[in-house]
Amino acid sequence: MKKVVVTPGCITCGTCAFTAPEVFEVTDVSRVKQDVDIEKNAELIKKAVARCPVQVIKIEE
């Protein structure tokens, strides 16, 4: 896992931030926090991807 991005279409439900608060923050839309250790949080990121109701969280391998 090299990069995590939130593509347009986020409905700001907060599921990603609830699932992986170390990785995501929700303001006007969801976004990945700066300087996040992606490898350390890989399992939580995968859970957030699976739980996103609009499937806008993408993982780049």
PDB file of N, CA and C in Angstrom:
ATOM      1  N   MET A   1       0.853  -1.170   0.000  1.00  0.00           N
ATOM      2  CA  MET A   1       0.000   0.000   0.000  1.00  0.00           C
ATOM      3  C   MET A   1       0.901   1.235   0.000  1.00  0.00           C
ATOM      4  N   LYS A   2       0.804   2.012  -1.085  1.00  0.00           N
ATOM      5  CA  LYS A   2       1.657   3.189  -1.205  1.00  0.00           C
ATOM      6  C   LYS A   2       0.942   4.483  -0.845  1.00  0.00           C
ATOM      7  N   LYS A   3      -0.348   4.557  -1.222  1.00  0.00           N
ATOM      8  CA  LYS A   3      -1.062   5.816  -1.051  1.00  0.00           C
ATOM      9  C   LYS A   3      -2.541   5.536  -0.833  1.00  0.00           C
ATOM     10  N   VAL A   4      -3.181   6.414  -0.075  1.00  0.00           N
ATOM     11  CA  VAL A   4      -4.624   6.338   0.153  1.00  0.00           C
ATOM     12  C   VAL A   4      -5.202   7.691  -0.242  1.00  0.00           C
ATOM     13  N   VAL A   5      -6.259   7.671  -1.043  1.00  0.00           N
ATOM     14  CA  VAL A   5      -6.895   8.912  -1.467  1.00  0.00           C
ATOM     15  C   VAL A   5      -8.407   8.805  -1.306  1.00  0.00           C
ATOM     16  N   VAL A   6      -9.025   9.954  -1.100  1.00  0.00           N
ATOM     17  CA  VAL A   6     -10.481  10.038  -1.073  1.00  0.00           C
ATOM     18  C   VAL A   6     -10.873  10.779  -2.343  1.00  0.00           C
ATOM     19  N   THR A   7     -11.565  10.090  -3.228  1.00  0.00           N
ATOM     20  CA  THR A   7     -11.957  10.674  -4.504  1.00  0.00           C
ATOM     21  C   THR A   7     -13.241  11.486  -4.332  1.00  0.00           C
ATOM     22  N   PRO A   8     -13.569  12.344  -5.295  1.00  0.00           N
ATOM     23  CA  PRO A   8     -14.802  13.135  -5.192  1.00  0.00           C
ATOM     24  C   PRO A   8     -16.039  12.245  -5.027  1.00  0.00           C
ATOM     25  N   GLY A   9     -16.981  12.745  -4.264  1.00  0.00           N
ATOM     26  CA  GLY A   9     -18.215  12.012  -4.025  1.00  0.00           C
ATOM     27  C   GLY A   9     -18.448  11.699  -2.558  1.00  0.00           C
ATOM     28  N   CYS A  10     -17.515  12.103  -1.696  1.00  0.00           N
ATOM     29  CA  CYS A  10     -17.655  11.864  -0.263  1.00  0.00           C
ATOM     30  C   CYS A  10     -18.927  12.536   0.247  1.00  0.00           C
ATOM     31  N   ILE A  11     -19.682  11.818   1.083  1.00  0.00           N
ATOM     32  CA  ILE A  11     -20.921  12.359   1.653  1.00  0.00           C
ATOM     33  C   ILE A  11     -20.736  12.783   3.115  1.00  0.00           C
ATOM     34  N   THR A  12     -19.503  12.838   3.570  1.00  0.00           N
ATOM     35  CA  THR A  12     -19.131  13.262   4.931  1.00  0.00           C
ATOM     36  C   THR A  12     -19.900  12.533   6.025  1.00  0.00           C
ATOM     37  N   CYS A  13     -20.047  11.226   5.860  1.00  0.00           N
ATOM     38  CA  CYS A  13     -20.763  10.431   6.867  1.00  0.00           C
ATOM     39  C   CYS A  13     -19.912  10.186   8.113  1.00  0.00           C
ATOM     40  N   GLY A  14     -18.583  10.247   7.965  1.00  0.00           N
ATOM     41  CA  GLY A  14     -17.699  10.068   9.107  1.00  0.00           C
ATOM     42  C   GLY A  14     -17.297   8.631   9.393  1.00  0.00           C
ATOM     43  N   THR A  15     -17.753   7.690   8.585  1.00  0.00           N
ATOM     44  CA  THR A  15     -17.438   6.282   8.826  1.00  0.00           C
ATOM     45  C   THR A  15     -15.940   6.029   8.793  1.00  0.00           C
ATOM     46  N   CYS A  16     -15.232   6.644   7.866  1.00  0.00           N
ATOM     47  CA  CYS A  16     -13.785   6.417   7.767  1.00  0.00           C
ATOM     48  C   CYS A  16     -13.061   6.948   9.006  1.00  0.00           C
ATOM     49  N   ALA A  17     -13.443   8.136   9.449  1.00  0.00           N
ATOM     50  CA  ALA A  17     -12.805   8.722  10.635  1.00  0.00           C
ATOM     51  C   ALA A  17     -13.136   7.928  11.894  1.00  0.00           C
ATOM     52  N   PHE A  18     -14.327   7.364  11.967  1.00  0.00           N
ATOM     53  CA  PHE A  18     -14.705   6.523  13.101  1.00  0.00           C
ATOM     54  C   PHE A  18     -13.900   5.220  13.078  1.00  0.00           C
ATOM     55  N   THR A  19     -13.714   4.659  11.874  1.00  0.00           N
ATOM     56  CA  THR A  19     -13.010   3.389  11.722  1.00  0.00           C
ATOM     57  C   THR A  19     -11.511   3.542  11.891  1.00  0.00           C
ATOM     58  N   ALA A  20     -10.949   4.605  11.341  1.00  0.00           N
ATOM     59  CA  ALA A  20      -9.495   4.817  11.376  1.00  0.00           C
ATOM     60  C   ALA A  20      -9.191   6.278  11.696  1.00  0.00           C
ATOM     61  N   PRO A  21      -9.411   6.698  12.946  1.00  0.00           N
ATOM     62  CA  PRO A  21      -9.223   8.107  13.304  1.00  0.00           C
ATOM     63  C   PRO A  21      -7.782   8.599  13.169  1.00  0.00           C
ATOM     64  N   GLU A  22      -6.824   7.684  13.165  1.00  0.00           N
ATOM     65  CA  GLU A  22      -5.425   8.077  12.996  1.00  0.00           C
ATOM     66  C   GLU A  22      -5.126   8.452  11.556  1.00  0.00           C
ATOM     67  N   VAL A  23      -6.011   8.051  10.637  1.00  0.00           N
ATOM     68  CA  VAL A  23      -5.756   8.211   9.210  1.00  0.00           C
ATOM     69  C   VAL A  23      -6.632   9.281   8.567  1.00  0.00           C
ATOM     70  N   PHE A  24      -7.920   9.301   8.914  1.00  0.00           N
ATOM     71  CA  PHE A  24      -8.876  10.177   8.235  1.00  0.00           C
ATOM     72  C   PHE A  24      -9.404  11.263   9.147  1.00  0.00           C
ATOM     73  N   GLU A  25      -9.724  12.416   8.523  1.00  0.00           N
ATOM     74  CA  GLU A  25     -10.409  13.493   9.219  1.00  0.00           C
ATOM     75  C   GLU A  25     -11.538  13.971   8.316  1.00  0.00           C
ATOM     76  N   VAL A  26     -12.630  14.398   8.925  1.00  0.00           N
ATOM     77  CA  VAL A  26     -13.782  14.852   8.161  1.00  0.00           C
ATOM     78  C   VAL A  26     -14.062  16.305   8.523  1.00  0.00           C
ATOM     79  N   THR A  27     -14.028  17.141   7.505  1.00  0.00           N
ATOM     80  CA  THR A  27     -14.424  18.545   7.666  1.00  0.00           C
ATOM     81  C   THR A  27     -15.560  18.755   6.668  1.00  0.00           C
ATOM     82  N   ASP A  28     -15.291  19.485   5.586  1.00  0.00           N
ATOM     83  CA  ASP A  28     -16.306  19.619   4.534  1.00  0.00           C
ATOM     84  C   ASP A  28     -16.405  18.337   3.715  1.00  0.00           C
ATOM     85  N   VAL A  29     -15.313  17.590   3.639  1.00  0.00           N
ATOM     86  CA  VAL A  29     -15.258  16.253   3.046  1.00  0.00           C
ATOM     87  C   VAL A  29     -14.241  15.446   3.842  1.00  0.00           C
ATOM     88  N   SER A  30     -14.195  14.177   3.596  1.00  0.00           N
ATOM     89  CA  SER A  30     -13.194  13.344   4.261  1.00  0.00           C
ATOM     90  C   SER A  30     -11.863  13.500   3.555  1.00  0.00           C
ATOM     91  N   ARG A  31     -10.793  13.451   4.327  1.00  0.00           N
ATOM     92  CA  ARG A  31      -9.454  13.510   3.731  1.00  0.00           C
ATOM     93  C   ARG A  31      -8.486  12.704   4.581  1.00  0.00           C
ATOM     94  N   VAL A  32      -7.398  12.329   3.954  1.00  0.00           N
ATOM     95  CA  VAL A  32      -6.340  11.596   4.644  1.00  0.00           C
ATOM     96  C   VAL A  32      -5.465  12.613   5.358  1.00  0.00           C
ATOM     97  N   LYS A  33      -5.174  12.368   6.616  1.00  0.00           N
ATOM     98  CA  LYS A  33      -4.315  13.265   7.380  1.00  0.00           C
ATOM     99  C   LYS A  33      -2.895  13.263   6.806  1.00  0.00           C
ATOM    100  N   GLN A  34      -2.204  14.364   6.955  1.00  0.00           N
ATOM    101  CA  GLN A  34      -0.827  14.457   6.485  1.00  0.00           C
ATOM    102  C   GLN A  34       0.091  13.632   7.381  1.00  0.00           C
ATOM    103  N   ASP A  35       1.138  13.120   6.789  1.00  0.00           N
ATOM    104  CA  ASP A  35       2.177  12.371   7.503  1.00  0.00           C
ATOM    105  C   ASP A  35       1.663  11.123   8.211  1.00  0.00           C
ATOM    106  N   VAL A  36       0.661  10.473   7.631  1.00  0.00           N
ATOM    107  CA  VAL A  36       0.117   9.240   8.191  1.00  0.00           C
ATOM    108  C   VAL A  36       1.022   8.070   7.828  1.00  0.00           C
ATOM    109  N   ASP A  37       1.261   7.196   8.777  1.00  0.00           N
ATOM    110  CA  ASP A  37       2.012   5.971   8.521  1.00  0.00           C
ATOM    111  C   ASP A  37       1.039   4.952   7.923  1.00  0.00           C
ATOM    112  N   ILE A  38       1.038   4.866   6.605  1.00  0.00           N
ATOM    113  CA  ILE A  38       0.085   4.009   5.901  1.00  0.00           C
ATOM    114  C   ILE A  38       0.292   2.545   6.233  1.00  0.00           C
ATOM    115  N   GLU A  39       1.525   2.102   6.261  1.00  0.00           N
ATOM    116  CA  GLU A  39       1.789   0.684   6.542  1.00  0.00           C
ATOM    117  C   GLU A  39       1.352   0.300   7.953  1.00  0.00           C
ATOM    118  N   LYS A  40       1.601   1.157   8.900  1.00  0.00           N
ATOM    119  CA  LYS A  40       1.225   0.880  10.291  1.00  0.00           C
ATOM    120  C   LYS A  40      -0.299   0.772  10.437  1.00  0.00           C
ATOM    121  N   ASN A  41      -1.032   1.549   9.639  1.00  0.00           N
ATOM    122  CA  ASN A  41      -2.491   1.596   9.734  1.00  0.00           C
ATOM    123  C   ASN A  41      -3.190   0.853   8.605  1.00  0.00           C
ATOM    124  N   ALA A  42      -2.481  -0.014   7.911  1.00  0.00           N
ATOM    125  CA  ALA A  42      -3.016  -0.692   6.720  1.00  0.00           C
ATOM    126  C   ALA A  42      -4.312  -1.446   6.990  1.00  0.00           C
ATOM    127  N   GLU A  43      -4.397  -2.159   8.087  1.00  0.00           N
ATOM    128  CA  GLU A  43      -5.606  -2.937   8.371  1.00  0.00           C
ATOM    129  C   GLU A  43      -6.811  -2.025   8.620  1.00  0.00           C
ATOM    130  N   LEU A  44      -6.597  -0.946   9.358  1.00  0.00           N
ATOM    131  CA  LEU A  44      -7.689   0.002   9.602  1.00  0.00           C
ATOM    132  C   LEU A  44      -8.120   0.684   8.313  1.00  0.00           C
ATOM    133  N   ILE A  45      -7.159   0.996   7.448  1.00  0.00           N
ATOM    134  CA  ILE A  45      -7.484   1.616   6.166  1.00  0.00           C
ATOM    135  C   ILE A  45      -8.335   0.671   5.332  1.00  0.00           C
ATOM    136  N   LYS A  46      -7.979  -0.597   5.293  1.00  0.00           N
ATOM    137  CA  LYS A  46      -8.762  -1.580   4.542  1.00  0.00           C
ATOM    138  C   LYS A  46     -10.184  -1.686   5.088  1.00  0.00           C
ATOM    139  N   LYS A  47     -10.335  -1.617   6.399  1.00  0.00           N
ATOM    140  CA  LYS A  47     -11.672  -1.655   6.996  1.00  0.00           C
ATOM    141  C   LYS A  47     -12.470  -0.415   6.599  1.00  0.00           C
ATOM    142  N   ALA A  48     -11.814   0.744   6.597  1.00  0.00           N
ATOM    143  CA  ALA A  48     -12.488   1.983   6.205  1.00  0.00           C
ATOM    144  C   ALA A  48     -12.926   1.924   4.749  1.00  0.00           C
ATOM    145  N   VAL A  49     -12.083   1.373   3.888  1.00  0.00           N
ATOM    146  CA  VAL A  49     -12.434   1.218   2.471  1.00  0.00           C
ATOM    147  C   VAL A  49     -13.678   0.343   2.345  1.00  0.00           C
ATOM    148  N   ALA A  50     -13.702  -0.759   3.058  1.00  0.00           N
ATOM    149  CA  ALA A  50     -14.828  -1.692   2.982  1.00  0.00           C
ATOM    150  C   ALA A  50     -16.120  -1.092   3.536  1.00  0.00           C
ATOM    151  N   ARG A  51     -16.004  -0.218   4.517  1.00  0.00           N
ATOM    152  CA  ARG A  51     -17.187   0.346   5.173  1.00  0.00           C
ATOM    153  C   ARG A  51     -17.713   1.620   4.521  1.00  0.00           C
ATOM    154  N   CYS A  52     -16.947   2.236   3.646  1.00  0.00           N
ATOM    155  CA  CYS A  52     -17.368   3.485   3.002  1.00  0.00           C
ATOM    156  C   CYS A  52     -18.638   3.239   2.179  1.00  0.00           C
ATOM    157  N   PRO A  53     -19.728   3.922   2.508  1.00  0.00           N
ATOM    158  CA  PRO A  53     -20.990   3.656   1.809  1.00  0.00           C
ATOM    159  C   PRO A  53     -21.010   4.100   0.348  1.00  0.00           C
ATOM    160  N   VAL A  54     -20.131   5.025  -0.019  1.00  0.00           N
ATOM    161  CA  VAL A  54     -20.099   5.497  -1.409  1.00  0.00           C
ATOM    162  C   VAL A  54     -18.819   5.083  -2.141  1.00  0.00           C
ATOM    163  N   GLN A  55     -17.986   4.280  -1.491  1.00  0.00           N
ATOM    164  CA  GLN A  55     -16.782   3.690  -2.083  1.00  0.00           C
ATOM    165  C   GLN A  55     -15.863   4.723  -2.748  1.00  0.00           C
ATOM    166  N   VAL A  56     -15.559   5.804  -2.025  1.00  0.00           N
ATOM    167  CA  VAL A  56     -14.684   6.835  -2.576  1.00  0.00           C
ATOM    168  C   VAL A  56     -13.255   6.782  -2.038  1.00  0.00           C
ATOM    169  N   ILE A  57     -12.979   5.861  -1.129  1.00  0.00           N
ATOM    170  CA  ILE A  57     -11.621   5.708  -0.603  1.00  0.00           C
ATOM    171  C   ILE A  57     -10.898   4.695  -1.486  1.00  0.00           C
ATOM    172  N   LYS A  58      -9.781   5.119  -2.046  1.00  0.00           N
ATOM    173  CA  LYS A  58      -9.025   4.282  -2.963  1.00  0.00           C
ATOM    174  C   LYS A  58      -7.612   4.040  -2.434  1.00  0.00           C
ATOM    175  N   ILE A  59      -7.127   2.826  -2.617  1.00  0.00           N
ATOM    176  CA  ILE A  59      -5.776   2.447  -2.219  1.00  0.00           C
ATOM    177  C   ILE A  59      -4.944   2.268  -3.465  1.00  0.00           C
ATOM    178  N   GLU A  60      -3.786   2.895  -3.490  1.00  0.00           N
ATOM    179  CA  GLU A  60      -2.839   2.695  -4.580  1.00  0.00           C
ATOM    180  C   GLU A  60      -1.751   1.757  -4.077  1.00  0.00           C
ATOM    181  N   GLU A  61      -1.565   0.640  -4.763  1.00  0.00           N
ATOM    182  CA  GLU A  61      -0.568  -0.362  -4.361  1.00  0.00           C
ATOM    183  C   GLU A  61       0.800  -0.020  -4.918  1.00  0.00           C
TER     184      GLU A  61
END
